[in-house]
Protein backbone atom coordinates (compact mmCIF):
# COMPACT_ATOMS: atom_id res chain seq x y z
CA MET A 1 140.30 105.61 130.42
CA PRO A 2 141.48 106.71 126.91
CA GLY A 3 144.72 104.79 127.45
CA TYR A 4 142.78 101.69 128.49
CA ILE A 5 140.63 101.88 125.32
CA GLY A 6 143.76 102.30 123.24
CA ILE A 7 145.27 99.14 124.72
CA ILE A 8 142.10 97.19 123.91
CA LEU A 9 142.13 98.43 120.31
CA CYS A 10 145.78 97.49 119.94
CA ILE A 11 145.01 93.96 121.14
CA LEU A 12 142.05 93.70 118.76
CA PHE A 13 144.13 94.99 115.85
CA ALA A 14 146.97 92.57 116.58
CA PHE A 15 144.61 89.60 116.85
CA ALA A 16 142.78 90.43 113.62
CA GLY A 17 146.07 91.08 111.83
CA ARG A 18 147.19 87.52 112.52
CA ASN A 19 144.09 86.31 110.69
CA ALA A 20 144.62 88.59 107.73
CA LEU A 21 144.43 87.65 104.08
CA ALA A 22 147.59 85.83 103.06
CA GLU A 23 150.50 88.15 102.28
CA GLY A 24 150.67 88.92 98.58
CA SER A 25 146.99 88.27 97.93
CA ALA A 26 145.19 90.88 95.85
CA TYR A 27 141.97 91.06 93.87
CA ILE A 28 140.33 93.12 91.13
CA VAL A 29 136.84 94.60 91.19
CA LEU A 30 135.22 95.97 88.04
CA GLY A 31 133.44 99.31 88.14
CA GLU A 32 131.81 101.88 85.90
CA ASN A 33 132.55 101.37 82.21
CA GLY A 34 134.52 98.28 83.15
CA ALA A 35 137.19 100.17 85.09
CA GLN A 36 139.55 97.65 86.72
CA VAL A 37 140.38 98.51 90.32
CA ALA A 38 143.14 96.52 92.01
CA ARG A 39 142.64 96.10 95.75
CA TYR A 40 145.05 94.89 98.42
CA ILE A 41 144.38 94.44 102.14
CA THR A 42 147.44 94.31 104.34
CA ALA A 43 148.69 94.43 107.93
CA GLU A 44 151.73 96.39 106.75
CA ALA A 45 152.08 100.07 107.59
CA SER A 46 152.11 101.20 103.96
CA CYS A 47 150.60 100.15 100.66
CA PRO A 48 152.71 97.95 98.37
CA LEU A 49 154.18 98.75 95.01
CA ILE A 50 152.18 97.67 92.00
CA ARG A 51 153.89 96.96 88.67
CA ILE A 52 151.83 97.87 85.61
CA ASP A 53 153.41 96.86 82.30
CA GLY A 54 156.89 97.21 83.73
CA ARG A 55 156.34 100.45 85.64
CA GLU A 56 156.15 100.49 89.40
CA THR A 57 154.04 102.83 91.49
CA ARG A 58 152.75 102.68 95.03
CA MET A 59 149.12 101.78 95.53
CA ASN A 60 146.86 104.42 97.07
CA VAL A 61 145.37 104.21 100.54
CA ARG A 62 141.61 103.63 100.37
CA ALA A 63 141.05 103.18 104.10
CA ARG A 64 143.30 103.16 107.14
CA PRO A 65 142.90 100.83 110.14
CA ALA A 66 139.93 101.83 112.28
CA SER A 67 137.47 100.69 114.89
CA LEU A 68 134.16 101.97 113.59
CA PRO A 69 130.95 102.41 115.59
CA GLY A 70 129.10 99.17 114.96
CA ARG A 71 125.57 99.42 113.65
CA SER A 72 124.67 96.29 115.63
CA GLY A 73 126.13 97.56 118.92
CA LYS A 74 129.44 95.73 118.46
CA PRO A 75 132.34 97.84 117.08
CA SER A 76 133.31 97.00 113.51
CA VAL A 77 137.06 96.60 113.77
CA PHE A 78 139.05 96.89 110.54
CA PRO A 79 142.68 96.70 111.70
CA LEU A 80 144.20 96.50 108.23
CA LEU A 81 145.15 98.91 105.51
CA THR A 82 142.98 98.80 102.37
CA CYS A 83 144.91 99.82 99.26
CA GLU A 84 143.79 100.35 95.68
CA MET A 85 144.83 101.44 92.23
CA GLU A 86 142.63 101.99 89.17
CA LEU A 87 144.40 100.36 86.26
CA PRO A 88 144.90 101.91 82.83
CA GLU A 89 142.36 100.66 80.31
CA ASN A 90 145.10 99.15 78.14
CA ALA A 91 147.00 97.42 80.97
CA VAL A 92 148.35 94.00 79.98
CA HIS A 93 150.58 92.76 82.83
CA VAL A 94 149.90 93.77 86.44
CA THR A 95 151.63 92.35 89.50
CA VAL A 96 151.65 93.06 93.21
CA GLY A 97 154.65 91.45 94.83
CA ASN A 98 155.06 88.12 93.05
CA GLU A 99 151.37 87.77 92.20
CA MET A 100 150.05 88.35 88.69
CA LEU A 101 146.58 89.88 88.79
CA PRO A 102 143.88 88.49 86.45
CA LEU A 103 142.64 91.14 84.02
CA LYS A 104 139.35 91.29 82.11
CA PRO A 105 139.68 90.40 78.42
CA LYS A 106 138.00 92.70 75.93
CA LEU A 107 135.74 89.82 74.88
CA VAL A 108 134.35 88.05 77.93
CA LYS A 109 133.35 84.50 77.02
CA ARG A 110 133.17 82.70 80.38
CA ILE A 111 131.41 84.00 83.51
CA VAL A 112 131.03 82.29 86.88
CA VAL A 113 127.89 83.34 88.79
CA ILE A 114 127.68 82.78 92.56
CA GLY A 115 125.59 84.30 95.33
CA ASP A 116 124.69 84.15 99.02
CA THR A 117 128.03 82.71 100.02
CA GLY A 118 128.41 83.50 103.74
CA CYS A 119 127.87 81.12 106.67
CA ARG A 120 124.58 81.90 108.37
CA LEU A 121 124.69 82.69 112.09
CA LYS A 122 121.47 84.52 112.93
CA LYS A 123 119.95 84.52 116.39
CA GLY A 124 116.58 85.90 115.27
CA ASP A 125 115.97 82.93 112.97
CA HIS A 126 117.62 80.39 115.29
CA ALA A 127 119.82 79.60 112.30
CA TYR A 128 123.30 78.38 113.12
CA GLN A 129 125.03 76.88 110.11
CA ALA A 130 127.96 74.49 110.58
CA CYS A 131 130.67 76.99 109.63
CA ASN A 132 133.38 74.56 110.74
CA ASP A 133 132.16 71.79 108.41
CA LYS A 134 133.17 72.15 104.76
CA ARG A 135 130.33 69.85 103.72
CA GLN A 136 127.66 72.01 105.35
CA TYR A 137 129.42 75.30 104.59
CA PRO A 138 131.05 74.56 101.21
CA PHE A 139 131.90 78.02 99.82
CA ALA A 140 135.65 77.27 99.79
CA ARG A 141 135.05 74.08 97.80
CA ILE A 142 132.71 75.88 95.41
CA ALA A 143 135.23 78.69 94.89
CA ALA A 144 137.98 76.20 94.09
CA GLU A 145 135.78 74.25 91.65
CA ALA A 146 134.62 77.45 89.94
CA ALA A 147 138.21 78.71 89.69
CA SER A 148 139.25 75.49 87.92
CA TRP A 149 136.75 76.32 85.15
CA LYS A 150 139.04 79.29 84.33
CA PRO A 151 136.45 82.08 84.02
CA ASP A 152 137.09 85.45 82.41
CA LEU A 153 134.94 87.13 85.04
CA VAL A 154 133.22 86.29 88.35
CA LEU A 155 129.81 87.74 89.17
CA HIS A 156 128.69 87.65 92.81
CA VAL A 157 124.98 88.49 93.07
CA GLY A 158 125.12 89.62 96.69
CA ASP A 159 125.03 88.65 100.37
CA LEU A 160 128.68 88.04 101.20
CA LEU A 161 128.52 88.19 105.01
CA TYR A 162 126.16 86.14 107.17
CA ARG A 163 128.01 85.71 110.49
CA GLU A 164 125.89 88.28 112.32
CA ASN A 165 125.56 86.71 115.79
CA PRO A 166 127.80 84.60 118.03
CA CYS A 167 127.53 80.84 117.82
CA PRO A 168 125.83 79.75 121.05
CA SER A 169 127.08 77.03 123.34
CA GLY A 170 125.79 73.62 122.41
CA HIS A 171 126.60 74.15 118.72
CA PRO A 172 130.10 72.67 118.24
CA GLU A 173 129.70 72.88 114.46
CA CYS A 174 130.15 76.67 114.57
CA GLN A 175 132.03 77.21 117.85
CA GLY A 176 134.81 79.75 117.65
CA SER A 177 133.45 81.47 114.56
CA PRO A 178 134.02 85.23 114.41
CA TRP A 179 130.85 87.27 114.12
CA GLY A 180 129.64 90.81 113.55
CA TYR A 181 130.51 93.17 110.74
CA GLY A 182 134.23 93.71 111.22
CA TRP A 183 137.26 92.33 109.39
CA ASP A 184 137.38 89.01 111.24
CA ALA A 185 133.87 88.08 110.05
CA TRP A 186 134.52 89.37 106.52
CA ASN A 187 137.75 87.38 106.36
CA ALA A 188 136.13 84.16 107.56
CA ASP A 189 133.03 84.52 105.37
CA PHE A 190 134.53 85.81 102.14
CA PHE A 191 138.26 86.36 101.75
CA ILE A 192 139.57 83.05 103.12
CA PRO A 193 137.02 80.68 101.50
CA GLY A 194 136.88 82.71 98.27
CA GLU A 195 140.64 83.05 97.81
CA ALA A 196 141.02 80.65 94.88
CA LEU A 197 138.32 82.44 92.89
CA LEU A 198 139.62 85.89 93.84
CA LYS A 199 142.90 84.92 92.22
CA ALA A 200 141.27 83.39 89.14
CA ALA A 201 139.47 86.36 87.55
CA PRO A 202 138.29 89.94 88.10
CA TRP A 203 135.01 90.33 90.01
CA VAL A 204 131.75 92.17 89.50
CA LEU A 205 130.13 92.52 92.91
CA VAL A 206 126.43 93.09 93.52
CA ARG A 207 125.42 94.50 96.88
CA GLY A 208 122.94 92.36 98.80
CA ASN A 209 120.62 93.23 101.67
CA HIS A 210 123.26 91.81 104.04
CA GLU A 211 125.54 94.62 102.89
CA SER A 212 123.03 97.41 103.58
CA CYS A 213 124.16 100.15 105.96
CA SER A 214 122.39 98.68 108.99
CA ARG A 215 124.32 95.45 108.52
CA ALA A 216 127.67 94.94 106.76
CA GLY A 217 127.61 98.17 104.76
CA GLN A 218 130.78 99.54 106.35
CA GLY A 219 132.86 96.64 105.08
CA TRP A 220 131.12 96.81 101.72
CA TRP A 221 132.25 100.38 101.17
CA LEU A 222 135.71 99.83 102.64
CA MET A 223 136.66 96.80 100.57
CA MET A 224 134.13 95.72 97.93
CA ASP A 225 132.42 98.60 96.10
CA PRO A 226 134.47 99.67 93.06
CA ARG A 227 133.64 103.36 93.42
CA PRO A 228 135.58 105.89 95.53
CA LEU A 229 135.08 105.76 99.29
CA GLU A 230 133.41 109.00 100.34
CA SER A 231 132.42 110.35 103.72
CA GLY A 232 128.64 110.22 104.03
CA ARG A 233 128.12 107.08 101.99
CA ASP A 234 130.39 104.90 104.13
CA CYS A 235 127.54 103.69 106.40
CA ASN A 236 129.28 104.98 109.54
CA ASP A 237 126.44 107.31 110.51
CA ALA A 238 122.78 106.27 110.32
CA ALA A 239 121.87 109.87 109.51
CA ASP A 240 123.63 109.41 106.13
CA ASP A 241 121.97 106.16 105.13
CA ASP A 242 119.99 107.85 102.36
CA MET A 243 123.38 108.25 100.67
CA GLY A 244 125.09 105.07 101.84
CA ASP A 245 122.26 102.70 101.00
CA TYR A 246 121.69 103.68 97.37
CA SER A 247 123.93 103.82 94.30
CA ASP A 248 123.32 104.49 90.63
CA PRO A 249 123.55 101.54 88.21
CA TYR A 250 126.71 101.16 86.14
CA ALA A 251 127.72 99.02 83.17
CA VAL A 252 130.64 96.67 82.56
CA PRO A 253 131.31 96.03 78.83
CA LEU A 254 131.62 92.35 77.87
CA GLY A 255 132.58 92.90 74.24
CA ASP A 256 130.77 92.15 70.96
CA GLY A 257 127.77 94.34 71.83
CA ALA A 258 127.09 92.85 75.28
CA GLN A 259 127.29 94.46 78.71
CA LEU A 260 126.55 93.64 82.33
CA ILE A 261 124.65 96.32 84.27
CA VAL A 262 124.90 96.31 88.07
CA MET A 263 121.97 97.58 90.19
CA ASP A 264 122.20 98.20 93.93
CA THR A 265 118.82 97.13 95.30
CA SER A 266 120.22 96.16 98.70
CA SER A 267 117.72 98.32 100.59
CA SER A 268 114.58 97.18 98.79
CA PRO A 269 111.90 95.96 101.20
CA GLU A 270 109.72 92.93 100.51
CA HIS A 271 106.61 95.13 100.53
CA ALA A 272 105.49 97.93 98.19
CA VAL A 273 107.40 101.20 98.48
CA SER A 274 105.51 104.35 99.46
CA ALA A 275 105.51 107.04 96.78
CA ALA A 276 106.57 109.58 99.41
CA SER A 277 109.63 107.61 100.55
CA ILE A 278 113.30 108.02 99.73
CA GLY A 279 113.20 104.47 98.34
CA TRP A 280 110.69 105.51 95.68
CA ILE A 281 112.85 108.45 94.64
CA LYS A 282 116.01 106.35 94.50
CA PHE A 283 114.44 103.40 92.63
CA LYS A 284 112.77 105.75 90.15
CA ARG A 285 116.19 107.24 89.45
CA MET A 286 117.59 103.72 89.13
CA HIS A 287 115.00 102.76 86.51
CA GLU A 288 115.69 105.96 84.55
CA ARG A 289 119.43 105.35 84.62
CA LEU A 290 118.91 101.73 83.60
CA ALA A 291 116.89 102.90 80.57
CA GLU A 292 119.83 105.10 79.58
CA LEU A 293 122.46 102.40 80.02
CA VAL A 294 120.71 99.71 77.95
CA LYS A 295 121.04 101.94 74.89
CA GLN A 296 124.80 101.42 75.00
CA ALA A 297 124.65 97.75 73.99
CA SER A 298 122.63 95.34 71.87
CA TYR A 299 122.60 92.66 74.60
CA ASN A 300 122.05 93.55 78.24
CA MET A 301 122.47 91.42 81.33
CA VAL A 302 121.26 93.09 84.53
CA ALA A 303 122.51 91.91 87.92
CA ASN A 304 120.85 92.81 91.21
CA HIS A 305 120.31 90.96 94.47
CA GLN A 306 116.56 90.49 95.00
CA PRO A 307 114.89 88.67 92.08
CA ILE A 308 112.46 90.94 90.26
CA LEU A 309 110.87 88.18 88.17
CA GLY A 310 111.65 85.06 90.20
CA LEU A 311 109.73 82.94 92.70
CA SER A 312 110.45 81.90 96.28
CA THR A 313 108.91 79.51 98.79
CA SER A 314 108.33 79.44 102.53
CA GLU A 315 108.92 76.40 104.73
CA ASP A 316 105.18 75.65 104.71
CA GLY A 317 105.11 75.55 100.90
CA ARG A 318 103.66 78.98 100.10
CA VAL A 319 104.92 80.57 96.87
CA PHE A 320 105.82 84.25 96.62
CA PRO A 321 106.38 86.46 93.55
CA GLY A 322 109.39 88.66 92.82
CA ASN A 323 110.47 91.49 95.08
CA GLN A 324 107.47 93.69 95.79
CA GLY A 325 109.50 96.76 96.68
CA ILE A 326 111.23 96.92 93.30
CA GLN A 327 108.10 95.89 91.40
CA SER A 328 106.00 98.63 93.03
CA VAL A 329 108.29 101.36 91.66
CA PHE A 330 109.43 99.80 88.39
CA GLY A 331 105.88 98.65 87.58
CA ALA A 332 104.54 102.17 88.02
CA LEU A 333 107.05 103.36 85.41
CA ASP A 334 106.73 100.46 82.94
CA PRO A 335 104.10 97.67 82.87
CA LYS A 336 106.88 95.26 81.84
CA PHE A 337 108.90 96.46 84.87
CA LEU A 338 112.21 96.57 83.00
CA PRO A 339 113.12 98.99 80.20
CA ALA A 340 113.15 97.68 76.64
CA GLY A 341 116.57 96.27 75.91
CA VAL A 342 117.03 94.26 79.11
CA ASN A 343 117.49 90.62 78.07
CA LEU A 344 118.67 88.69 81.12
CA LEU A 345 118.27 89.15 84.89
CA LEU A 346 120.78 87.63 87.31
CA SER A 347 119.97 87.64 91.03
CA GLY A 348 120.44 85.87 94.36
CA HIS A 349 118.60 86.28 97.70
CA VAL A 350 116.62 83.06 97.27
CA HIS A 351 118.95 80.32 98.55
CA ALA A 352 118.43 78.08 95.56
CA TRP A 353 119.02 77.94 91.81
CA GLN A 354 116.23 78.93 89.45
CA GLN A 355 115.52 79.79 85.82
CA VAL A 356 112.34 81.44 84.53
CA SER A 357 111.52 82.35 80.93
CA PHE A 358 108.35 84.06 79.73
CA SER A 359 106.02 84.02 76.73
CA SER A 360 105.15 87.61 77.70
CA PRO A 361 107.67 90.38 76.82
CA HIS A 362 109.76 90.04 80.00
CA PRO A 363 113.47 89.22 80.25
CA THR A 364 114.49 85.77 81.40
CA GLN A 365 115.42 85.52 85.09
CA PHE A 366 118.14 83.38 86.69
CA ILE A 367 118.72 83.04 90.44
CA ALA A 368 122.05 81.79 91.80
CA GLY A 369 121.79 82.22 95.57
CA PHE A 370 123.03 78.69 96.29
CA SER A 371 126.77 79.05 96.84
CA GLY A 372 127.31 78.53 100.56
CA THR A 373 124.56 79.95 102.75
CA MET A 374 122.12 77.54 104.41
CA GLU A 375 119.83 76.50 101.55
CA ASP A 376 116.10 76.93 101.02
CA THR A 377 114.88 73.35 100.90
CA THR A 378 111.16 73.66 100.10
CA PRO A 379 110.80 73.17 96.33
CA LEU A 380 108.35 74.97 94.11
CA PRO A 381 105.05 73.07 93.75
CA ASP A 382 103.85 71.70 90.45
CA PRO A 383 101.75 73.32 89.11
CA ILE A 384 102.49 76.86 90.30
CA ASP A 385 99.54 79.23 90.62
CA VAL A 386 101.56 82.39 91.45
CA ALA A 387 103.01 84.61 88.72
CA PRO A 388 106.45 86.18 89.36
CA ALA A 389 104.89 89.57 88.52
CA SER A 390 101.66 90.99 87.18
CA GLY A 391 101.36 90.18 83.46
CA ALA A 392 104.40 87.87 83.46
CA VAL A 393 103.41 84.58 81.79
CA VAL A 394 105.82 81.74 82.58
CA GLU A 395 106.80 79.61 79.60
CA HIS A 396 109.75 77.63 80.99
CA LEU A 397 110.84 77.13 84.60
CA SER A 398 113.63 75.10 86.17
CA SER A 399 114.72 75.01 89.79
CA TRP A 400 116.98 73.34 92.33
CA PHE A 401 116.17 73.71 96.03
CA GLY A 402 118.39 72.08 98.62
CA GLY A 403 121.69 71.84 96.77
CA PHE A 404 124.87 73.94 96.86
CA GLY A 405 126.71 74.97 93.72
CA TYR A 406 127.49 77.63 91.15
CA MET A 407 126.41 78.63 87.65
CA THR A 408 128.45 79.37 84.58
CA LEU A 409 127.61 81.41 81.50
CA GLU A 410 129.46 80.70 78.27
CA ARG A 411 129.09 82.88 75.21
CA LYS A 412 127.78 81.11 72.11
CA GLY A 413 126.94 84.16 69.97
CA ALA A 414 126.12 87.84 70.09
CA ALA A 415 122.83 87.18 71.92
CA ASN A 416 123.28 83.51 72.82
CA TRP A 417 124.75 82.08 76.01
CA GLU A 418 124.81 78.65 77.58
CA ALA A 419 124.11 78.46 81.32
CA ARG A 420 125.32 75.43 83.21
CA VAL A 421 124.56 74.48 86.80
CA TRP A 422 127.30 72.72 88.77
CA ASP A 423 127.10 71.15 92.21
CA VAL A 424 129.67 71.48 94.99
CA ASN A 425 131.69 68.59 93.56
CA GLY A 426 131.86 70.10 90.09
CA LYS A 427 129.25 67.72 88.68
CA LEU A 428 127.05 69.14 85.91
CA ARG A 429 123.40 69.20 87.04
CA ASN A 430 121.59 71.21 84.33
CA THR A 431 122.21 73.01 81.05
CA CYS A 432 120.18 75.95 79.73
CA ALA A 433 120.21 77.63 76.32
CA ILE A 434 119.75 81.42 76.41
CA ASP A 435 118.56 83.00 73.17
CA GLY A 436 118.04 86.72 73.49
CA SER A 437 115.46 87.26 76.24
CA HIS A 438 114.36 83.63 76.41
CA SER A 439 115.84 80.50 77.93
CA VAL A 440 115.07 76.81 78.22
CA CYS A 441 116.80 74.14 80.32
CA ASP A 442 117.31 70.41 79.95
CA GLN A 443 115.64 69.62 83.28
CA ALA A 444 112.66 71.24 84.99
CA HIS A 445 113.62 70.07 88.48
CA ILE A 446 117.01 68.94 89.69
CA GLU A 447 116.93 66.11 92.18
């Protein structure tokens, strides 16, 4: 029997290897204090050499090929070698093979923001997106358009993998799609369609609820999270989920007094968190750490997956406030929810684009969960009688439900940025001026 299992694994590894990321492709993820970590995923037996300012060294092994116990019942097969190397802070020229890696400039002026990019295959919701149709699953087109804008940095606000269940018969638009939480699904949902943007700039990655331990958390820790891979927080054992599902916030400097703080709220429920739960303890620690980090900069962007101060709709037109799990803990610690010094919130989760600015002392909220996953198509009503959070008074609101695209942020001053909303064809759909903690857009609703 062991020999039989070994043969099966060899076949699986060989098949997945043929669908691997193109040889020579590498990417950079940004971690704590802006540390640049070069990653490379390969079917080769050893990690490649990396040349840093003329000096060659071999990349380190982050994870070896493995078939991991699947949290959904299906094994999560990762047949490739994941390699990495943290780059020196002053690195100027970095290559792997013949490929020059894009490095973060000290002054970041141009940021692409995308979110919720995977192709949705979910049996429980009877949701089977047309993964084989680039019009109905346009992440590759969006990535190429966004790459042509030549960003200094890419921010993904979470939910990278959506191919959770097999495409059933009778749905030719998604037939043959890989599914589950192994490499084949990750490759189809993220690495292949996102390749142009992976080559264009370094990435800041926010963990979404689709990357929680009970879902695609194994792949998240193997390939995406910038921090070291450690036993116990690798999502391989459900008994360790209290470690694997929570991470402390960290900051990425953007230069000229600005920074981007990343929060892992992937395991936040939609309902209030019990004060006796591990979630309460972890989110309380997160709020405390956030309060410490904002003191490092004069302008603070905070990126997490579930909108704290945004709005969402159901198919029958009901309107819901921001994430109740996060609000229940953060609101108990601060009536404004966020520590003083937070200026701008960037989130996904809602499959639409949205901007909210307040006359009350709350940071402005942007949502960019519209970059590939089946969209939310029910627009916000006018007027809206639901506040994003208790005490939050909406002053300006813009939204786009039912369209795919991406957002860009361009620096205009120390505390001033211009947000632009682009559709899948690269057409400009809205422009927003961000001044400190406030924002206002040209259009209230995008048609």
